[in-house]
Structure formats: structure tokens, C-alpha cells
């Protein structure tokens, strides 16, 4: 099993300290996809422009509206005992 997740810069995301979460529109991000070459986990590494640290974010769930239309995805990443969320809107 090899990690094949792409690295995205933290500059692509807005960060909220209050909720400790990141947000972005899918159209503003480079392509990303599977985390491992032999599994269906979807995610990416986010590289901090400030520290250079890479954090692996994997998909937690999809966000759908009452008509079952896909509105976005929620990803989760962990670093130094903290859990971060990343919400990507399907614009």
C-alpha cells in the first residue's frame, strides 16, 4: 500500500480559528483524489504555507440537501493531537 495523495497548499483554503476548520470551493482547488493506491479513501495532504507541515485530510462524509443534491464534502485531519475539519463546497 503506497500513499498517492496529492499535496495542496493551505493558501487554497480559508481558515476559521473559532471552529478550527478550513473551507474552499471545489472549483478553486487543483485536482486531488485517492489517498492510497489500493483503497478507496478520498483525500489530500494540506501543506501549511506558514510551517511547511503536511496534514493528511480524508473524507468523513458528503453534504446533501433535501433533494439529495451534492452540496459538498467534509474532510478531517489530525495534527499534534488536534482535529481539523475541512469543508469543500460543490459550487
Protein backbone atom coordinates (compact mmCIF):
# COMPACT_ATOMS: atom_id res chain seq x y z
CA UNK A 1 0.00 0.00 0.00
CA UNK A 2 1.53 3.28 -1.12
CA UNK A 3 0.30 6.77 -0.30
CA UNK A 4 -0.55 8.61 -3.51
CA UNK A 5 -2.43 11.59 -2.03
CA UNK A 6 -1.67 14.93 -3.64
CA UNK A 7 -0.34 17.88 -1.66
CA UNK A 8 -2.44 21.07 -1.69
CA UNK A 9 -1.19 24.38 -0.33
CA UNK A 10 -3.04 25.88 2.62
CA UNK A 11 -3.30 29.04 0.51
CA UNK A 12 -6.22 27.41 -1.33
CA UNK A 13 -8.30 27.38 1.88
CA UNK A 14 -9.81 29.89 4.28
CA UNK A 15 -9.26 29.09 7.96
CA UNK A 16 -11.53 29.82 10.93
CA UNK A 17 -9.79 29.78 14.30
CA UNK A 18 -13.11 29.73 16.11
CA UNK A 19 -14.21 26.43 14.55
CA UNK A 20 -10.67 25.19 13.77
CA UNK A 21 -11.82 24.39 10.25
CA UNK A 22 -10.80 25.11 6.69
CA UNK A 23 -13.12 25.87 3.76
CA UNK A 24 -12.82 26.08 -0.02
CA UNK A 25 -14.85 25.76 -3.20
CA UNK A 26 -14.08 22.68 -5.28
CA UNK A 27 -13.64 24.86 -8.38
CA UNK A 28 -10.76 26.75 -6.74
CA UNK A 29 -8.75 23.61 -5.94
CA UNK A 30 -6.33 21.59 -8.06
CA UNK A 31 -7.39 18.00 -8.77
CA UNK A 32 -6.99 15.53 -5.94
CA UNK A 33 -8.25 12.02 -5.41
CA UNK A 34 -7.42 8.78 -3.69
CA UNK A 35 -5.11 8.60 -0.68
CA UNK A 36 -3.74 5.08 -1.22
CA UNK A 37 -3.05 3.12 -4.39
CA UNK A 38 -5.08 0.11 -3.17
CA UNK A 39 -8.02 1.65 -1.29
CA UNK A 40 -10.99 3.91 -1.95
CA UNK A 41 -10.17 6.58 0.67
CA UNK A 42 -10.53 10.04 -0.84
CA UNK A 43 -8.36 12.90 0.44
CA UNK A 44 -5.27 15.05 0.22
CA UNK A 45 -2.34 16.42 2.18
CA UNK A 46 -2.61 20.06 3.12
CA UNK A 47 0.78 21.75 3.39
CA UNK A 48 0.91 24.75 5.70
CA UNK A 49 2.44 27.73 3.96
CA UNK A 50 3.47 29.05 7.37
CA UNK A 51 5.12 25.95 8.89
CA UNK A 52 5.64 23.56 5.96
CA UNK A 53 3.88 20.76 7.88
CA UNK A 54 1.74 18.33 5.86
CA UNK A 55 -1.52 17.05 7.35
CA UNK A 56 -3.49 14.23 5.74
CA UNK A 57 -7.20 15.02 5.32
CA UNK A 58 -9.57 12.16 4.46
CA UNK A 59 -13.25 12.33 3.57
CA UNK A 60 -15.59 11.92 6.51
CA UNK A 61 -18.94 12.38 4.72
CA UNK A 62 -20.84 14.11 1.92
CA UNK A 63 -23.19 17.04 2.43
CA UNK A 64 -26.51 16.65 0.58
CA UNK A 65 -29.61 18.84 0.56
CA UNK A 66 -33.23 17.74 0.93
CA UNK A 67 -33.38 16.88 -2.80
CA UNK A 68 -30.28 14.68 -2.38
CA UNK A 69 -28.13 17.04 -4.45
CA UNK A 70 -24.45 17.03 -3.54
CA UNK A 71 -23.54 20.32 -1.84
CA UNK A 72 -20.08 19.44 -0.56
CA UNK A 73 -17.79 17.20 1.42
CA UNK A 74 -16.37 17.19 4.94
CA UNK A 75 -12.79 16.03 5.43
CA UNK A 76 -10.95 15.50 8.70
CA UNK A 77 -7.24 15.78 9.51
CA UNK A 78 -5.24 15.36 12.72
CA UNK A 79 -2.01 17.01 13.78
CA UNK A 80 -0.37 17.24 17.23
CA UNK A 81 -3.48 15.94 18.99
CA UNK A 82 -5.80 18.44 17.31
CA UNK A 83 -8.54 17.50 14.87
CA UNK A 84 -9.29 19.85 12.00
CA UNK A 85 -12.25 19.86 9.64
CA UNK A 86 -12.18 20.93 6.04
CA UNK A 87 -15.40 21.72 4.22
CA UNK A 88 -15.27 21.76 0.44
CA UNK A 89 -18.31 23.22 -1.29
CA UNK A 90 -19.54 21.79 -4.57
CA UNK A 91 -20.03 25.07 -6.39
